[in-house]
Each structure stands twice: as structure tokens, then as C-alpha cells.
Amino acid sequence: MARKKNNNPIYVSPDGGETVYEQLPNGDKILVEQSQIAKDNTQAYDEQEMVGLEAIKLRRKFPALQKAWDKYRTVWHLINEN
């Protein structure tokens, strides 16, 4: 079933225009546009679980994960330091 086209849409942005949603009459929101900065911010938030004490414990428990992490760190340092 096709969504009825709203002739007078209401747009909202919780982050000052970086992410824009269409506000539906029932309160739901539909993502309309998201800047690269907003996408990067979301990705950074999602990746926070990959560092810290719990991540270290997980890498200790799974040696393949630690090996991949070590390779990632090596590449990171090679690129970041040049």
C-alpha cells in the first residue's frame, strides 16, 4: 500500500540541519537527508564499543579478533603518522 502524499509536510532536525526528517501526522519520522558529518557521527557512536575494557576482554577471549585488531592498529599508525 502506497503512503499517502502529504501536501504540507513538516520537516524536523534534531541536530541543527545535519539530519532532516519528515514528521508524519502519527508522530513517526522518515529520514529525508543526512549530511556526511551526521553519518560520521553515527558511525563513531556505533564503533565506540570496539574500544575500552570490554573490547579488550573480548579480544583476549578471541585470538583471531586480537590478531585482526593488531593489524588494524599497524595500518592505522602507518597512515596516521605519515
N, C-alpha and C. Protein backbone atom coordinates (compact mmCIF):
# COMPACT_ATOMS: atom_id res chain seq x y z
N MET A 1 0.84 -1.17 0.00
CA MET A 1 0.00 0.00 0.00
C MET A 1 0.89 1.24 0.00
N ALA A 2 0.64 2.13 -0.91
CA ALA A 2 1.43 3.34 -1.04
C ALA A 2 1.07 4.33 0.07
N ARG A 3 2.07 5.04 0.52
CA ARG A 3 1.86 6.06 1.55
C ARG A 3 1.21 7.27 0.89
N LYS A 4 0.19 7.81 1.56
CA LYS A 4 -0.50 8.99 1.06
C LYS A 4 0.45 10.17 1.09
N LYS A 5 0.54 10.87 -0.02
CA LYS A 5 1.42 12.03 -0.13
C LYS A 5 0.88 13.17 0.71
N ASN A 6 1.73 13.69 1.59
CA ASN A 6 1.36 14.82 2.44
C ASN A 6 1.67 16.10 1.65
N ASN A 7 0.67 16.91 1.39
CA ASN A 7 0.86 18.14 0.62
C ASN A 7 1.56 19.24 1.40
N ASN A 8 1.52 19.17 2.71
CA ASN A 8 2.17 20.17 3.57
C ASN A 8 3.07 19.46 4.58
N PRO A 9 4.15 18.89 4.11
CA PRO A 9 5.00 18.14 5.05
C PRO A 9 5.65 19.06 6.08
N ILE A 10 5.90 18.49 7.24
CA ILE A 10 6.61 19.19 8.30
C ILE A 10 7.97 18.51 8.43
N TYR A 11 9.02 19.31 8.38
CA TYR A 11 10.37 18.78 8.49
C TYR A 11 10.97 19.18 9.83
N VAL A 12 11.67 18.23 10.44
CA VAL A 12 12.32 18.48 11.73
C VAL A 12 13.77 18.04 11.64
N SER A 13 14.60 18.69 12.45
CA SER A 13 16.02 18.34 12.51
C SER A 13 16.48 18.44 13.96
N PRO A 14 16.84 17.30 14.55
CA PRO A 14 17.29 17.31 15.94
C PRO A 14 18.71 17.81 16.13
N ASP A 15 19.45 17.99 15.02
CA ASP A 15 20.86 18.34 15.14
C ASP A 15 21.24 19.57 14.31
N GLY A 16 20.35 20.52 14.25
CA GLY A 16 20.66 21.78 13.59
C GLY A 16 20.79 21.70 12.07
N GLY A 17 20.10 20.78 11.45
CA GLY A 17 20.10 20.69 10.00
C GLY A 17 20.99 19.63 9.41
N GLU A 18 21.77 18.95 10.22
CA GLU A 18 22.64 17.89 9.70
C GLU A 18 21.82 16.66 9.29
N THR A 19 20.74 16.39 10.02
CA THR A 19 19.83 15.29 9.72
C THR A 19 18.43 15.87 9.64
N VAL A 20 17.72 15.55 8.56
CA VAL A 20 16.38 16.10 8.37
C VAL A 20 15.39 14.94 8.22
N TYR A 21 14.29 15.04 8.97
CA TYR A 21 13.22 14.05 8.92
C TYR A 21 11.92 14.73 8.50
N GLU A 22 11.06 13.96 7.85
CA GLU A 22 9.69 14.41 7.64
C GLU A 22 8.88 13.87 8.81
N GLN A 23 8.21 14.76 9.50
CA GLN A 23 7.38 14.39 10.65
C GLN A 23 6.01 13.98 10.13
N LEU A 24 5.59 12.75 10.40
CA LEU A 24 4.29 12.26 9.96
C LEU A 24 3.22 12.61 10.99
N PRO A 25 1.97 12.68 10.56
CA PRO A 25 0.88 13.03 11.48
C PRO A 25 0.78 12.09 12.69
N ASN A 26 1.17 10.82 12.51
CA ASN A 26 1.08 9.86 13.63
C ASN A 26 2.27 9.92 14.57
N GLY A 27 3.22 10.84 14.31
CA GLY A 27 4.39 11.00 15.17
C GLY A 27 5.64 10.32 14.66
N ASP A 28 5.48 9.40 13.70
CA ASP A 28 6.64 8.74 13.13
C ASP A 28 7.45 9.74 12.30
N LYS A 29 8.69 9.38 12.03
CA LYS A 29 9.56 10.23 11.22
C LYS A 29 10.15 9.40 10.08
N ILE A 30 10.36 10.05 8.95
CA ILE A 30 11.01 9.43 7.81
C ILE A 30 12.27 10.23 7.52
N LEU A 31 13.42 9.54 7.46
CA LEU A 31 14.67 10.21 7.15
C LEU A 31 14.62 10.76 5.72
N VAL A 32 14.89 12.04 5.58
CA VAL A 32 14.87 12.70 4.27
C VAL A 32 16.30 12.92 3.79
N GLU A 33 17.15 13.44 4.66
CA GLU A 33 18.52 13.78 4.27
C GLU A 33 19.41 13.72 5.48
N GLN A 34 20.67 13.31 5.26
CA GLN A 34 21.64 13.27 6.35
C GLN A 34 23.00 13.66 5.78
N SER A 35 23.64 14.64 6.39
CA SER A 35 24.95 15.10 5.92
C SER A 35 26.01 14.05 6.23
N GLN A 36 27.16 14.20 5.59
CA GLN A 36 28.26 13.28 5.85
C GLN A 36 28.73 13.41 7.30
N ILE A 37 28.70 14.60 7.84
CA ILE A 37 29.09 14.80 9.25
C ILE A 37 28.17 14.00 10.17
N ALA A 38 26.87 14.03 9.91
CA ALA A 38 25.92 13.29 10.73
C ALA A 38 26.13 11.78 10.58
N LYS A 39 26.41 11.34 9.35
CA LYS A 39 26.69 9.91 9.13
C LYS A 39 27.95 9.48 9.87
N ASP A 40 28.99 10.32 9.81
CA ASP A 40 30.24 10.02 10.51
C ASP A 40 30.03 9.99 12.02
N ASN A 41 29.22 10.89 12.53
CA ASN A 41 28.93 10.92 13.96
C ASN A 41 28.22 9.64 14.40
N THR A 42 27.27 9.19 13.59
CA THR A 42 26.55 7.94 13.89
C THR A 42 27.52 6.76 13.88
N GLN A 43 28.38 6.71 12.88
CA GLN A 43 29.35 5.62 12.79
C GLN A 43 30.30 5.64 13.98
N ALA A 44 30.77 6.81 14.37
CA ALA A 44 31.67 6.92 15.52
C ALA A 44 30.99 6.41 16.79
N TYR A 45 29.73 6.77 16.96
CA TYR A 45 28.97 6.30 18.12
C TYR A 45 28.86 4.77 18.10
N ASP A 46 28.56 4.21 16.92
CA ASP A 46 28.41 2.76 16.79
C ASP A 46 29.73 2.02 17.05
N GLU A 47 30.84 2.65 16.72
CA GLU A 47 32.14 2.00 16.86
C GLU A 47 32.75 2.15 18.25
N GLN A 48 32.13 2.89 19.12
CA GLN A 48 32.67 3.08 20.48
C GLN A 48 32.80 1.76 21.23
N GLU A 49 31.95 0.80 20.89
CA GLU A 49 32.00 -0.49 21.58
C GLU A 49 33.26 -1.29 21.22
N MET A 50 33.99 -0.83 20.20
CA MET A 50 35.18 -1.55 19.76
C MET A 50 36.43 -1.18 20.56
N VAL A 51 36.30 -0.25 21.49
CA VAL A 51 37.43 0.14 22.33
C VAL A 51 36.99 0.11 23.79
N GLY A 52 37.94 0.10 24.67
CA GLY A 52 37.63 0.10 26.09
C GLY A 52 37.84 -1.27 26.72
N LEU A 53 37.55 -1.34 28.00
CA LEU A 53 37.81 -2.54 28.79
C LEU A 53 37.09 -3.78 28.25
N GLU A 54 35.82 -3.66 27.93
CA GLU A 54 35.07 -4.82 27.44
C GLU A 54 35.60 -5.31 26.09
N ALA A 55 36.03 -4.38 25.26
CA ALA A 55 36.60 -4.76 23.96
C ALA A 55 37.92 -5.51 24.16
N ILE A 56 38.72 -5.07 25.11
CA ILE A 56 39.99 -5.74 25.40
C ILE A 56 39.73 -7.16 25.89
N LYS A 57 38.75 -7.32 26.76
CA LYS A 57 38.39 -8.66 27.25
C LYS A 57 37.94 -9.55 26.10
N LEU A 58 37.16 -9.00 25.19
CA LEU A 58 36.66 -9.77 24.06
C LEU A 58 37.81 -10.19 23.14
N ARG A 59 38.75 -9.28 22.91
CA ARG A 59 39.90 -9.63 22.07
C ARG A 59 40.78 -10.68 22.74
N ARG A 60 40.87 -10.64 24.06
CA ARG A 60 41.63 -11.66 24.77
C ARG A 60 40.95 -13.02 24.63
N LYS A 61 39.64 -13.03 24.66
CA LYS A 61 38.87 -14.28 24.56
C LYS A 61 38.94 -14.87 23.16
N PHE A 62 39.02 -14.00 22.12
CA PHE A 62 39.03 -14.46 20.73
C PHE A 62 40.32 -14.01 20.06
N PRO A 63 41.33 -14.89 20.02
CA PRO A 63 42.64 -14.53 19.46
C PRO A 63 42.57 -14.02 18.01
N ALA A 64 41.65 -14.52 17.20
CA ALA A 64 41.54 -14.04 15.81
C ALA A 64 41.13 -12.57 15.80
N LEU A 65 40.29 -12.18 16.73
CA LEU A 65 39.88 -10.79 16.83
C LEU A 65 41.07 -9.92 17.25
N GLN A 66 41.88 -10.42 18.17
CA GLN A 66 43.07 -9.68 18.60
C GLN A 66 44.05 -9.54 17.44
N LYS A 67 44.23 -10.60 16.67
CA LYS A 67 45.15 -10.56 15.54
C LYS A 67 44.68 -9.52 14.51
N ALA A 68 43.38 -9.49 14.22
CA ALA A 68 42.84 -8.51 13.28
C ALA A 68 43.00 -7.09 13.84
N TRP A 69 42.78 -6.94 15.14
CA TRP A 69 42.93 -5.64 15.79
C TRP A 69 44.37 -5.15 15.69
N ASP A 70 45.34 -6.05 15.90
CA ASP A 70 46.75 -5.68 15.81
C ASP A 70 47.10 -5.22 14.39
N LYS A 71 46.57 -5.90 13.39
CA LYS A 71 46.82 -5.49 12.00
C LYS A 71 46.19 -4.12 11.74
N TYR A 72 44.98 -3.92 12.22
CA TYR A 72 44.31 -2.63 12.05
C TYR A 72 45.14 -1.51 12.68
N ARG A 73 45.62 -1.74 13.89
CA ARG A 73 46.42 -0.72 14.59
C ARG A 73 47.70 -0.41 13.83
N THR A 74 48.35 -1.44 13.26
CA THR A 74 49.57 -1.23 12.50
C THR A 74 49.30 -0.34 11.29
N VAL A 75 48.23 -0.66 10.54
CA VAL A 75 47.88 0.15 9.37
C VAL A 75 47.50 1.56 9.80
N TRP A 76 46.74 1.67 10.88
CA TRP A 76 46.34 2.99 11.40
C TRP A 76 47.56 3.86 11.69
N HIS A 77 48.52 3.29 12.40
CA HIS A 77 49.71 4.06 12.77
C HIS A 77 50.56 4.41 11.55
N LEU A 78 50.66 3.50 10.60
CA LEU A 78 51.44 3.79 9.39
C LEU A 78 50.82 4.97 8.62
N ILE A 79 49.51 4.99 8.52
CA ILE A 79 48.82 6.06 7.78
C ILE A 79 48.79 7.34 8.59
N ASN A 80 48.44 7.23 9.85
CA ASN A 80 48.24 8.41 10.69
C ASN A 80 49.55 9.15 10.98
N GLU A 81 50.66 8.45 11.01
CA GLU A 81 51.93 9.08 11.35
C GLU A 81 52.64 9.65 10.14
N ASN A 82 52.11 9.43 8.94
CA ASN A 82 52.74 9.97 7.72
C ASN A 82 51.95 11.12 7.16
